[in-house]
């Protein structure tokens, strides 16, 4: 599902550390290059067993980044890191939906008119 674009041109910047199970240095570099080629990815900082990815949520979502890493033969860590990534995906989905609504949000928040 591609992220919905809101009316605001302000980017929704995110920075996530993706941790991998026994990644090889070559696989990390390869995945970093693939991710940098994707629209919305601003920077990649490789670590010993991870990549720190900075991206614009209006252009790309975490789920797509995870699929790209899997395509580069990297296995994302499970356990607590998997739970954390699931929470990030949930939050991103909500942020994308909220950004698609008008800024005023007054359609549902107006009190009923008082009768005199």
PDB file of N, CA and C in Angstrom:
ATOM      1  N   UNK A   1       0.844  -1.172   0.000  1.00  0.00           N
ATOM      2  CA  UNK A   1       0.000   0.000   0.000  1.00  0.00           C
ATOM      3  C   UNK A   1       0.887   1.230   0.000  1.00  0.00           C
ATOM      4  N   UNK A   2       0.831   2.055  -1.034  1.00  0.00           N
ATOM      5  CA  UNK A   2       1.647   3.273  -1.040  1.00  0.00           C
ATOM      6  C   UNK A   2       1.081   4.281  -0.058  1.00  0.00           C
ATOM      7  N   UNK A   3       1.953   5.035   0.594  1.00  0.00           N
ATOM      8  CA  UNK A   3       1.479   6.031   1.547  1.00  0.00           C
ATOM      9  C   UNK A   3       0.616   7.084   0.865  1.00  0.00           C
ATOM     10  N   UNK A   4      -0.460   7.455   1.552  1.00  0.00           N
ATOM     11  CA  UNK A   4      -1.310   8.529   1.054  1.00  0.00           C
ATOM     12  C   UNK A   4      -0.620   9.859   1.292  1.00  0.00           C
ATOM     13  N   UNK A   5      -0.799  10.750   0.395  1.00  0.00           N
ATOM     14  CA  UNK A   5      -0.170  12.054   0.529  1.00  0.00           C
ATOM     15  C   UNK A   5      -1.181  13.041   1.091  1.00  0.00           C
ATOM     16  N   UNK A   6      -0.791  13.744   2.143  1.00  0.00           N
ATOM     17  CA  UNK A   6      -1.649  14.763   2.727  1.00  0.00           C
ATOM     18  C   UNK A   6      -1.519  16.071   1.966  1.00  0.00           C
ATOM     19  N   UNK A   7      -2.264  17.067   2.377  1.00  0.00           N
ATOM     20  CA  UNK A   7      -2.213  18.365   1.714  1.00  0.00           C
ATOM     21  C   UNK A   7      -0.932  19.117   2.052  1.00  0.00           C
ATOM     22  N   UNK A   8      -0.333  18.808   3.186  1.00  0.00           N
ATOM     23  CA  UNK A   8       0.838  19.533   3.651  1.00  0.00           C
ATOM     24  C   UNK A   8       2.095  19.033   2.942  1.00  0.00           C
ATOM     25  N   UNK A   9       2.926  19.952   2.438  1.00  0.00           N
ATOM     26  CA  UNK A   9       4.171  19.520   1.792  1.00  0.00           C
ATOM     27  C   UNK A   9       5.272  19.190   2.797  1.00  0.00           C
ATOM     28  N   UNK A  10       5.003  19.364   4.080  1.00  0.00           N
ATOM     29  CA  UNK A  10       6.006  19.099   5.100  1.00  0.00           C
ATOM     30  C   UNK A  10       6.318  17.606   5.151  1.00  0.00           C
ATOM     31  N   UNK A  11       7.583  17.220   5.023  1.00  0.00           N
ATOM     32  CA  UNK A  11       7.909  15.794   5.070  1.00  0.00           C
ATOM     33  C   UNK A  11       7.706  15.235   6.485  1.00  0.00           C
ATOM     34  N   UNK A  12       7.358  13.973   6.534  1.00  0.00           N
ATOM     35  CA  UNK A  12       7.248  13.267   7.805  1.00  0.00           C
ATOM     36  C   UNK A  12       8.530  12.442   7.960  1.00  0.00           C
ATOM     37  N   UNK A  13       9.556  13.054   8.494  1.00  0.00           N
ATOM     38  CA  UNK A  13      10.876  12.428   8.579  1.00  0.00           C
ATOM     39  C   UNK A  13      10.891  11.358   9.674  1.00  0.00           C
ATOM     40  N   UNK A  14      11.498  10.232   9.365  1.00  0.00           N
ATOM     41  CA  UNK A  14      11.655   9.139  10.312  1.00  0.00           C
ATOM     42  C   UNK A  14      13.091   8.652  10.263  1.00  0.00           C
ATOM     43  N   UNK A  15      13.544   8.139  11.408  1.00  0.00           N
ATOM     44  CA  UNK A  15      14.888   7.567  11.504  1.00  0.00           C
ATOM     45  C   UNK A  15      14.750   6.266  12.287  1.00  0.00           C
ATOM     46  N   UNK A  16      15.048   5.146  11.651  1.00  0.00           N
ATOM     47  CA  UNK A  16      14.884   3.828  12.267  1.00  0.00           C
ATOM     48  C   UNK A  16      16.166   3.023  12.138  1.00  0.00           C
ATOM     49  N   UNK A  17      16.455   2.270  13.199  1.00  0.00           N
ATOM     50  CA  UNK A  17      17.592   1.337  13.162  1.00  0.00           C
ATOM     51  C   UNK A  17      17.037  -0.059  12.906  1.00  0.00           C
ATOM     52  N   UNK A  18      17.398  -0.616  11.758  1.00  0.00           N
ATOM     53  CA  UNK A  18      16.990  -1.964  11.400  1.00  0.00           C
ATOM     54  C   UNK A  18      18.129  -2.912  11.734  1.00  0.00           C
ATOM     55  N   UNK A  19      17.851  -3.875  12.618  1.00  0.00           N
ATOM     56  CA  UNK A  19      18.875  -4.829  13.057  1.00  0.00           C
ATOM     57  C   UNK A  19      18.685  -6.155  12.334  1.00  0.00           C
ATOM     58  N   UNK A  20      19.817  -6.794  11.990  1.00  0.00           N
ATOM     59  CA  UNK A  20      19.797  -8.012  11.201  1.00  0.00           C
ATOM     60  C   UNK A  20      20.514  -9.150  11.925  1.00  0.00           C
ATOM     61  N   UNK A  21      20.153 -10.388  11.547  1.00  0.00           N
ATOM     62  CA  UNK A  21      20.764 -11.582  12.105  1.00  0.00           C
ATOM     63  C   UNK A  21      22.015 -11.903  11.298  1.00  0.00           C
ATOM     64  N   UNK A  22      23.160 -11.842  11.925  1.00  0.00           N
ATOM     65  CA  UNK A  22      24.450 -12.180  11.316  1.00  0.00           C
ATOM     66  C   UNK A  22      24.617 -11.667   9.891  1.00  0.00           C
ATOM     67  N   UNK A  23      24.530 -10.356   9.709  1.00  0.00           N
ATOM     68  CA  UNK A  23      24.685  -9.842   8.343  1.00  0.00           C
ATOM     69  C   UNK A  23      26.154  -9.797   7.950  1.00  0.00           C
ATOM     70  N   UNK A  24      26.413 -10.069   6.703  1.00  0.00           N
ATOM     71  CA  UNK A  24      27.758  -9.889   6.190  1.00  0.00           C
ATOM     72  C   UNK A  24      27.945  -8.440   5.788  1.00  0.00           C
ATOM     73  N   UNK A  25      29.176  -7.954   5.845  1.00  0.00           N
ATOM     74  CA  UNK A  25      29.454  -6.567   5.484  1.00  0.00           C
ATOM     75  C   UNK A  25      29.028  -6.274   4.046  1.00  0.00           C
ATOM     76  N   UNK A  26      29.251  -7.223   3.160  1.00  0.00           N
ATOM     77  CA  UNK A  26      28.889  -7.025   1.755  1.00  0.00           C
ATOM     78  C   UNK A  26      27.373  -6.921   1.594  1.00  0.00           C
ATOM     79  N   UNK A  27      26.629  -7.757   2.326  1.00  0.00           N
ATOM     80  CA  UNK A  27      25.168  -7.700   2.240  1.00  0.00           C
ATOM     81  C   UNK A  27      24.640  -6.376   2.792  1.00  0.00           C
ATOM     82  N   UNK A  28      25.249  -5.875   3.868  1.00  0.00           N
ATOM     83  CA  UNK A  28      24.832  -4.581   4.421  1.00  0.00           C
ATOM     84  C   UNK A  28      25.071  -3.462   3.407  1.00  0.00           C
ATOM     85  N   UNK A  29      26.245  -3.474   2.765  1.00  0.00           N
ATOM     86  CA  UNK A  29      26.542  -2.446   1.767  1.00  0.00           C
ATOM     87  C   UNK A  29      25.590  -2.535   0.580  1.00  0.00           C
ATOM     88  N   UNK A  30      25.308  -3.758   0.154  1.00  0.00           N
ATOM     89  CA  UNK A  30      24.404  -3.960  -0.977  1.00  0.00           C
ATOM     90  C   UNK A  30      23.002  -3.456  -0.630  1.00  0.00           C
ATOM     91  N   UNK A  31      22.502  -3.820   0.554  1.00  0.00           N
ATOM     92  CA  UNK A  31      21.171  -3.372   0.972  1.00  0.00           C
ATOM     93  C   UNK A  31      21.138  -1.853   1.126  1.00  0.00           C
ATOM     94  N   UNK A  32      22.208  -1.279   1.663  1.00  0.00           N
ATOM     95  CA  UNK A  32      22.289   0.174   1.803  1.00  0.00           C
ATOM     96  C   UNK A  32      22.188   0.872   0.456  1.00  0.00           C
ATOM     97  N   UNK A  33      22.855   0.324  -0.548  1.00  0.00           N
ATOM     98  CA  UNK A  33      22.786   0.890  -1.890  1.00  0.00           C
ATOM     99  C   UNK A  33      21.392   0.781  -2.488  1.00  0.00           C
ATOM    100  N   UNK A  34      20.743  -0.358  -2.265  1.00  0.00           N
ATOM    101  CA  UNK A  34      19.378  -0.542  -2.771  1.00  0.00           C
ATOM    102  C   UNK A  34      18.437   0.456  -2.106  1.00  0.00           C
ATOM    103  N   UNK A  35      18.552   0.598  -0.780  1.00  0.00           N
ATOM    104  CA  UNK A  35      17.672   1.516  -0.055  1.00  0.00           C
ATOM    105  C   UNK A  35      17.902   2.968  -0.469  1.00  0.00           C
ATOM    106  N   UNK A  36      19.157   3.347  -0.667  1.00  0.00           N
ATOM    107  CA  UNK A  36      19.446   4.725  -1.088  1.00  0.00           C
ATOM    108  C   UNK A  36      18.864   5.045  -2.457  1.00  0.00           C
ATOM    109  N   UNK A  37      18.686   4.034  -3.284  1.00  0.00           N
ATOM    110  CA  UNK A  37      18.107   4.237  -4.604  1.00  0.00           C
ATOM    111  C   UNK A  37      16.591   4.387  -4.591  1.00  0.00           C
ATOM    112  N   UNK A  38      15.972   4.154  -3.441  1.00  0.00           N
ATOM    113  CA  UNK A  38      14.516   4.245  -3.350  1.00  0.00           C
ATOM    114  C   UNK A  38      14.090   5.683  -3.056  1.00  0.00           C
ATOM    115  N   UNK A  39      12.987   6.101  -3.674  1.00  0.00           N
ATOM    116  CA  UNK A  39      12.455   7.450  -3.446  1.00  0.00           C
ATOM    117  C   UNK A  39      12.050   7.601  -1.987  1.00  0.00           C
ATOM    118  N   UNK A  40      12.449   8.699  -1.385  1.00  0.00           N
ATOM    119  CA  UNK A  40      12.077   8.988  -0.005  1.00  0.00           C
ATOM    120  C   UNK A  40      13.152   8.658   1.009  1.00  0.00           C
ATOM    121  N   UNK A  41      14.139   7.842   0.650  1.00  0.00           N
ATOM    122  CA  UNK A  41      15.226   7.494   1.571  1.00  0.00           C
ATOM    123  C   UNK A  41      16.265   8.596   1.505  1.00  0.00           C
ATOM    124  N   UNK A  42      16.547   9.196   2.659  1.00  0.00           N
ATOM    125  CA  UNK A  42      17.468  10.331   2.704  1.00  0.00           C
ATOM    126  C   UNK A  42      18.903   9.926   3.010  1.00  0.00           C
ATOM    127  N   UNK A  43      19.075   8.975   3.930  1.00  0.00           N
ATOM    128  CA  UNK A  43      20.440   8.543   4.249  1.00  0.00           C
ATOM    129  C   UNK A  43      20.424   7.152   4.872  1.00  0.00           C
ATOM    130  N   UNK A  44      21.584   6.515   4.781  1.00  0.00           N
ATOM    131  CA  UNK A  44      21.807   5.191   5.357  1.00  0.00           C
ATOM    132  C   UNK A  44      23.112   5.261   6.133  1.00  0.00           C
ATOM    133  N   UNK A  45      23.077   4.806   7.378  1.00  0.00           N
ATOM    134  CA  UNK A  45      24.288   4.737   8.185  1.00  0.00           C
ATOM    135  C   UNK A  45      24.470   3.275   8.602  1.00  0.00           C
ATOM    136  N   UNK A  46      25.470   2.587   8.050  1.00  0.00           N
ATOM    137  CA  UNK A  46      25.670   1.179   8.403  1.00  0.00           C
ATOM    138  C   UNK A  46      26.335   1.037   9.772  1.00  0.00           C
ATOM    139  N   UNK A  47      25.961  -0.029  10.467  1.00  0.00           N
ATOM    140  CA  UNK A  47      26.581  -0.380  11.737  1.00  0.00           C
ATOM    141  C   UNK A  47      27.147  -1.786  11.629  1.00  0.00           C
ATOM    142  N   UNK A  48      27.504  -2.380  12.764  1.00  0.00           N
ATOM    143  CA  UNK A  48      28.045  -3.737  12.747  1.00  0.00           C
ATOM    144  C   UNK A  48      27.002  -4.756  12.293  1.00  0.00           C
ATOM    145  N   UNK A  49      25.793  -4.649  12.831  1.00  0.00           N
ATOM    146  CA  UNK A  49      24.730  -5.586  12.485  1.00  0.00           C
ATOM    147  C   UNK A  49      23.428  -4.868  12.145  1.00  0.00           C
ATOM    148  N   UNK A  50      23.535  -3.603  11.730  1.00  0.00           N
ATOM    149  CA  UNK A  50      22.325  -2.816  11.514  1.00  0.00           C
ATOM    150  C   UNK A  50      22.530  -1.751  10.446  1.00  0.00           C
ATOM    151  N   UNK A  51      21.407  -1.170  10.030  1.00  0.00           N
ATOM    152  CA  UNK A  51      21.398  -0.002   9.161  1.00  0.00           C
ATOM    153  C   UNK A  51      20.481   1.027   9.805  1.00  0.00           C
ATOM    154  N   UNK A  52      20.965   2.254   9.934  1.00  0.00           N
ATOM    155  CA  UNK A  52      20.110   3.350  10.392  1.00  0.00           C
ATOM    156  C   UNK A  52      19.610   4.036   9.127  1.00  0.00           C
ATOM    157  N   UNK A  53      18.289   4.033   8.963  1.00  0.00           N
ATOM    158  CA  UNK A  53      17.668   4.549   7.747  1.00  0.00           C
ATOM    159  C   UNK A  53      16.884   5.802   8.085  1.00  0.00           C
ATOM    160  N   UNK A  54      17.172   6.894   7.380  1.00  0.00           N
ATOM    161  CA  UNK A  54      16.393   8.123   7.499  1.00  0.00           C
ATOM    162  C   UNK A  54      15.566   8.247   6.234  1.00  0.00           C
ATOM    163  N   UNK A  55      14.233   8.429   6.412  1.00  0.00           N
ATOM    164  CA  UNK A  55      13.348   8.466   5.256  1.00  0.00           C
ATOM    165  C   UNK A  55      12.152   9.365   5.513  1.00  0.00           C
ATOM    166  N   UNK A  56      11.462   9.703   4.417  1.00  0.00           N
ATOM    167  CA  UNK A  56      10.257  10.531   4.468  1.00  0.00           C
ATOM    168  C   UNK A  56       9.050   9.612   4.369  1.00  0.00           C
ATOM    169  N   UNK A  57       8.254   9.590   5.407  1.00  0.00           N
ATOM    170  CA  UNK A  57       7.091   8.715   5.480  1.00  0.00           C
ATOM    171  C   UNK A  57       6.053   9.030   4.404  1.00  0.00           C
ATOM    172  N   UNK A  58       6.040  10.249   3.905  1.00  0.00           N
ATOM    173  CA  UNK A  58       5.086  10.591   2.840  1.00  0.00           C
ATOM    174  C   UNK A  58       5.437   9.892   1.527  1.00  0.00           C
ATOM    175  N   UNK A  59       6.681   9.433   1.389  1.00  0.00           N
ATOM    176  CA  UNK A  59       7.113   8.809   0.140  1.00  0.00           C
ATOM    177  C   UNK A  59       7.336   7.310   0.254  1.00  0.00           C
ATOM    178  N   UNK A  60       7.683   6.833   1.434  1.00  0.00           N
ATOM    179  CA  UNK A  60       7.983   5.406   1.589  1.00  0.00           C
ATOM    180  C   UNK A  60       7.686   4.996   3.029  1.00  0.00           C
ATOM    181  N   UNK A  61       7.226   3.771   3.198  1.00  0.00           N
ATOM    182  CA  UNK A  61       6.886   3.259   4.521  1.00  0.00           C
ATOM    183  C   UNK A  61       7.884   2.185   4.943  1.00  0.00           C
ATOM    184  N   UNK A  62       7.919   1.920   6.233  1.00  0.00           N
ATOM    185  CA  UNK A  62       8.846   0.940   6.795  1.00  0.00           C
ATOM    186  C   UNK A  62       8.651  -0.441   6.176  1.00  0.00           C
ATOM    187  N   UNK A  63       7.421  -0.838   5.932  1.00  0.00           N
ATOM    188  CA  UNK A  63       7.159  -2.168   5.369  1.00  0.00           C
ATOM    189  C   UNK A  63       7.880  -2.350   4.030  1.00  0.00           C
ATOM    190  N   UNK A  64       7.915  -1.303   3.229  1.00  0.00           N
ATOM    191  CA  UNK A  64       8.610  -1.383   1.938  1.00  0.00           C
ATOM    192  C   UNK A  64      10.123  -1.471   2.121  1.00  0.00           C
ATOM    193  N   UNK A  65      10.641  -0.772   3.121  1.00  0.00           N
ATOM    194  CA  UNK A  65      12.078  -0.852   3.423  1.00  0.00           C
ATOM    195  C   UNK A  65      12.437  -2.265   3.888  1.00  0.00           C
ATOM    196  N   UNK A  66      11.572  -2.854   4.708  1.00  0.00           N
ATOM    197  CA  UNK A  66      11.819  -4.218   5.189  1.00  0.00           C
ATOM    198  C   UNK A  66      11.837  -5.213   4.029  1.00  0.00           C
ATOM    199  N   UNK A  67      10.901  -5.055   3.087  1.00  0.00           N
ATOM    200  CA  UNK A  67      10.873  -5.951   1.920  1.00  0.00           C
ATOM    201  C   UNK A  67      12.135  -5.796   1.080  1.00  0.00           C
ATOM    202  N   UNK A  68      12.622  -4.571   0.932  1.00  0.00           N
ATOM    203  CA  UNK A  68      13.846  -4.340   0.161  1.00  0.00           C
ATOM    204  C   UNK A  68      15.045  -5.004   0.834  1.00  0.00           C
ATOM    205  N   UNK A  69      15.091  -4.943   2.156  1.00  0.00           N
ATOM    206  CA  UNK A  69      16.188  -5.599   2.888  1.00  0.00           C
ATOM    207  C   UNK A  69      16.117  -7.114   2.724  1.00  0.00           C
ATOM    208  N   UNK A  70      14.914  -7.660   2.788  1.00  0.00           N
ATOM    209  CA  UNK A  70      14.743  -9.100   2.596  1.00  0.00           C
ATOM    210  C   UNK A  70      15.158  -9.501   1.186  1.00  0.00           C
ATOM    211  N   UNK A  71      14.891  -8.642   0.212  1.00  0.00           N
ATOM    212  CA  UNK A  71      15.316  -8.908  -1.158  1.00  0.00           C
ATOM    213  C   UNK A  71      16.820  -8.880  -1.323  1.00  0.00           C
ATOM    214  N   UNK A  72      17.513  -8.223  -0.406  1.00  0.00           N
ATOM    215  CA  UNK A  72      18.983  -8.190  -0.417  1.00  0.00           C
ATOM    216  C   UNK A  72      19.574  -9.301   0.438  1.00  0.00           C
ATOM    217  N   UNK A  73      18.770 -10.289   0.773  1.00  0.00           N
ATOM    218  CA  UNK A  73      19.170 -11.479   1.538  1.00  0.00           C
ATOM    219  C   UNK A  73      19.601 -11.171   2.971  1.00  0.00           C
ATOM    220  N   UNK A  74      19.011 -10.136   3.565  1.00  0.00           N
ATOM    221  CA  UNK A  74      19.241  -9.840   4.973  1.00  0.00           C
ATOM    222  C   UNK A  74      18.040 -10.310   5.772  1.00  0.00           C
ATOM    223  N   UNK A  75      18.298 -10.896   6.940  1.00  0.00           N
ATOM    224  CA  UNK A  75      17.227 -11.385   7.804  1.00  0.00           C
ATOM    225  C   UNK A  75      17.118 -10.430   8.985  1.00  0.00           C
ATOM    226  N   UNK A  76      15.943  -9.799   9.122  1.00  0.00           N
ATOM    227  CA  UNK A  76      15.718  -8.879  10.238  1.00  0.00           C
ATOM    228  C   UNK A  76      15.623  -9.669  11.538  1.00  0.00           C
ATOM    229  N   UNK A  77      16.129  -9.070  12.621  1.00  0.00           N
ATOM    230  CA  UNK A  77      16.071  -9.707  13.942  1.00  0.00           C
ATOM    231  C   UNK A  77      14.619  -9.904  14.364  1.00  0.00           C
ATOM    232  N   UNK A  78      14.381 -10.941  15.119  1.00  0.00           N
ATOM    233  CA  UNK A  78      13.051 -11.213  15.652  1.00  0.00           C
ATOM    234  C   UNK A  78      12.957 -10.708  17.080  1.00  0.00           C
ATOM    235  N   UNK A  79      12.107 -11.337  17.858  1.00  0.00           N
ATOM    236  CA  UNK A  79      11.971 -11.000  19.273  1.00  0.00           C
ATOM    237  C   UNK A  79      11.493  -9.577  19.494  1.00  0.00           C
ATOM    238  N   UNK A  80      12.151  -8.892  20.405  1.00  0.00           N
ATOM    239  CA  UNK A  80      11.769  -7.527  20.763  1.00  0.00           C
ATOM    240  C   UNK A  80      11.865  -6.587  19.557  1.00  0.00           C
ATOM    241  N   UNK A  81      12.875  -6.786  18.727  1.00  0.00           N
ATOM    242  CA  UNK A  81      13.018  -5.919  17.554  1.00  0.00           C
ATOM    243  C   UNK A  81      11.840  -6.102  16.598  1.00  0.00           C
ATOM    244  N   UNK A  82      11.345  -7.319  16.454  1.00  0.00           N
ATOM    245  CA  UNK A  82      10.185  -7.557  15.594  1.00  0.00           C
ATOM    246  C   UNK A  82       8.951  -6.857  16.164  1.00  0.00           C
ATOM    247  N   UNK A  83       8.777  -6.897  17.470  1.00  0.00           N
ATOM    248  CA  UNK A  83       7.654  -6.191  18.104  1.00  0.00           C
ATOM    249  C   UNK A  83       7.773  -4.688  17.882  1.00  0.00           C
ATOM    250  N   UNK A  84       8.977  -4.191  18.036  1.00  0.00           N
ATOM    251  CA  UNK A  84       9.210  -2.757  17.842  1.00  0.00           C
ATOM    252  C   UNK A  84       8.872  -2.342  16.409  1.00  0.00           C
ATOM    253  N   UNK A  85       9.317  -3.140  15.434  1.00  0.00           N
ATOM    254  CA  UNK A  85       9.010  -2.826  14.037  1.00  0.00           C
ATOM    255  C   UNK A  85       7.514  -2.886  13.768  1.00  0.00           C
ATOM    256  N   UNK A  86       6.811  -3.826  14.388  1.00  0.00           N
ATOM    257  CA  UNK A  86       5.353  -3.910  14.229  1.00  0.00           C
ATOM    258  C   UNK A  86       4.688  -2.651  14.783  1.00  0.00           C
ATOM    259  N   UNK A  87       5.171  -2.162  15.910  1.00  0.00           N
ATOM    260  CA  UNK A  87       4.636  -0.927  16.486  1.00  0.00           C
ATOM    261  C   UNK A  87       4.926   0.258  15.571  1.00  0.00           C
ATOM    262  N   UNK A  88       6.126   0.314  15.019  1.00  0.00           N
ATOM    263  CA  UNK A  88       6.470   1.396  14.092  1.00  0.00           C
ATOM    264  C   UNK A  88       5.538   1.376  12.881  1.00  0.00           C
ATOM    265  N   UNK A  89       5.291   0.167  12.320  1.00  0.00           N
ATOM    266  CA  UNK A  89       4.403   0.062  11.158  1.00  0.00           C
ATOM    267  C   UNK A  89       2.997   0.541  11.501  1.00  0.00           C
ATOM    268  N   UNK A  90       2.504   0.157  12.682  1.00  0.00           N
ATOM    269  CA  UNK A  90       1.181   0.589  13.143  1.00  0.00           C
ATOM    270  C   UNK A  90       1.123   2.106  13.274  1.00  0.00           C
ATOM    271  N   UNK A  91       2.150   2.688  13.895  1.00  0.00           N
ATOM    272  CA  UNK A  91       2.197   4.144  14.056  1.00  0.00           C
ATOM    273  C   UNK A  91       2.250   4.846  12.705  1.00  0.00           C
ATOM    274  N   UNK A  92       3.054   4.340  11.794  1.00  0.00           N
ATOM    275  CA  UNK A  92       3.177   4.952  10.474  1.00  0.00           C
ATOM    276  C   UNK A  92       1.858   4.914   9.721  1.00  0.00           C
ATOM    277  N   UNK A  93       1.156   3.792   9.802  1.00  0.00           N
ATOM    278  CA  UNK A  93      -0.136   3.681   9.138  1.00  0.00           C
ATOM    279  C   UNK A  93      -1.105   4.742   9.661  1.00  0.00           C
ATOM    280  N   UNK A  94      -1.130   4.925  10.977  1.00  0.00           N
ATOM    281  CA  UNK A  94      -1.994   5.943  11.574  1.00  0.00           C
ATOM    282  C   UNK A  94      -1.569   7.350  11.162  1.00  0.00           C
ATOM    283  N   UNK A  95      -0.267   7.617  11.153  1.00  0.00           N
ATOM    284  CA  UNK A  95       0.218   8.947  10.760  1.00  0.00           C
ATOM    285  C   UNK A  95      -0.133   9.268   9.310  1.00  0.00           C
ATOM    286  N   UNK A  96      -0.022   8.269   8.443  1.00  0.00           N
ATOM    287  CA  UNK A  96      -0.355   8.473   7.034  1.00  0.00           C
ATOM    288  C   UNK A  96      -1.837   8.798   6.898  1.00  0.00           C
ATOM    289  N   UNK A  97      -2.672   8.051   7.600  1.00  0.00           N
ATOM    290  CA  UNK A  97      -4.121   8.314   7.543  1.00  0.00           C
ATOM    291  C   UNK A  97      -4.456   9.684   8.121  1.00  0.00           C
ATOM    292  N   UNK A  98      -3.849  10.038   9.230  1.00  0.00           N
ATOM    293  CA  UNK A  98      -4.117  11.338   9.852  1.00  0.00           C
ATOM    294  C   UNK A  98      -3.632  12.488   8.969  1.00  0.00           C
ATOM    295  N   UNK A  99      -2.517  12.318   8.298  1.00  0.00           N
ATOM    296  CA  UNK A  99      -1.978  13.373   7.443  1.00  0.00           C
ATOM    297  C   UNK A  99      -2.869  13.604   6.228  1.00  0.00           C
ATOM    298  N   UNK A 100      -3.655  12.613   5.852  1.00  0.00           N
ATOM    299  CA  UNK A 100      -4.518  12.745   4.684  1.00  0.00           C
ATOM    300  C   UNK A 100      -5.768  13.576   4.983  1.00  0.00           C
ATOM    301  N   UNK A 101      -6.080  13.781   6.265  1.00  0.00           N
ATOM    302  CA  UNK A 101      -7.255  14.568   6.639  1.00  0.00           C
ATOM    303  C   UNK A 101      -6.938  16.053   6.622  1.00  0.00           C
ATOM    304  N   UNK A 102      -7.967  16.906   6.439  1.00  0.00           N
ATOM    305  CA  UNK A 102      -7.735  18.354   6.474  1.00  0.00           C
ATOM    306  C   UNK A 102      -7.153  18.785   7.812  1.00  0.00           C
ATOM    307  N   UNK A 103      -6.394  19.855   7.781  1.00  0.00           N
ATOM    308  CA  UNK A 103      -5.694  20.319   8.986  1.00  0.00           C
ATOM    309  C   UNK A 103      -6.637  20.759  10.086  1.00  0.00           C
ATOM    310  N   UNK A 104      -7.788  21.353   9.741  1.00  0.00           N
ATOM    311  CA  UNK A 104      -8.716  21.853  10.749  1.00  0.00           C
ATOM    312  C   UNK A 104      -9.354  20.752  11.568  1.00  0.00           C
ATOM    313  N   UNK A 105      -9.730  19.663  10.925  1.00  0.00           N
ATOM    314  CA  UNK A 105     -10.350  18.556  11.627  1.00  0.00           C
ATOM    315  C   UNK A 105     -11.677  18.926  12.264  1.00  0.00           C
ATOM    316  N   UNK A 106     -12.298  20.018  11.792  1.00  0.00           N
ATOM    317  CA  UNK A 106     -13.503  20.517  12.439  1.00  0.00           C
ATOM    318  C   UNK A 106     -14.768  19.809  11.965  1.00  0.00           C
ATOM    319  N   UNK A 107     -14.666  18.925  11.026  1.00  0.00           N
ATOM    320  CA  UNK A 107     -15.872  18.296  10.492  1.00  0.00           C
ATOM    321  C   UNK A 107     -16.618  17.510  11.569  1.00  0.00           C
ATOM    322  N   UNK A 108     -15.919  16.945  12.480  1.00  0.00           N
ATOM    323  CA  UNK A 108     -16.555  16.113  13.500  1.00  0.00           C
ATOM    324  C   UNK A 108     -16.449  16.706  14.899  1.00  0.00           C
ATOM    325  N   UNK A 109     -15.714  17.757  15.070  1.00  0.00           N
ATOM    326  CA  UNK A 109     -15.451  18.285  16.405  1.00  0.00           C
ATOM    327  C   UNK A 109     -16.228  19.551  16.731  1.00  0.00           C
ATOM    328  N   UNK A 110     -17.191  19.923  15.911  1.00  0.00           N
ATOM    329  CA  UNK A 110     -17.995  21.107  16.192  1.00  0.00           C
ATOM    330  C   UNK A 110     -19.108  20.747  17.169  1.00  0.00           C
ATOM    331  N   UNK A 111     -19.280  21.510  18.203  1.00  0.00           N
ATOM    332  CA  UNK A 111     -20.399  21.242  19.098  1.00  0.00           C
ATOM    333  C   UNK A 111     -21.713  21.613  18.412  1.00  0.00           C
ATOM    334  N   UNK A 112     -22.805  20.994  18.802  1.00  0.00           N
ATOM    335  CA  UNK A 112     -24.090  21.344  18.177  1.00  0.00           C
ATOM    336  C   UNK A 112     -24.483  22.766  18.532  1.00  0.00           C
ATOM    337  N   UNK A 113     -25.219  23.440  17.647  1.00  0.00           N
ATOM    338  CA  UNK A 113     -25.627  24.826  17.948  1.00  0.00           C
ATOM    339  C   UNK A 113     -26.605  24.851  19.127  1.00  0.00           C
ATOM    340  N   UNK A 114     -26.476  25.891  19.921  1.00  0.00           N
ATOM    341  CA  UNK A 114     -27.364  26.034  21.087  1.00  0.00           C
ATOM    342  C   UNK A 114     -28.700  26.596  20.650  1.00  0.00           C
ATOM    343  N   UNK A 115     -29.753  26.023  21.159  1.00  0.00           N
ATOM    344  CA  UNK A 115     -31.078  26.553  20.873  1.00  0.00           C
ATOM    345  C   UNK A 115     -31.475  27.568  21.935  1.00  0.00           C
ATOM    346  N   UNK A 116     -32.019  28.708  21.551  1.00  0.00           N
ATOM    347  CA  UNK A 116     -32.417  29.725  22.535  1.00  0.00           C
ATOM    348  C   UNK A 116     -33.886  29.814  22.644  1.00  0.00           C
TER     349      UNK A 116
END
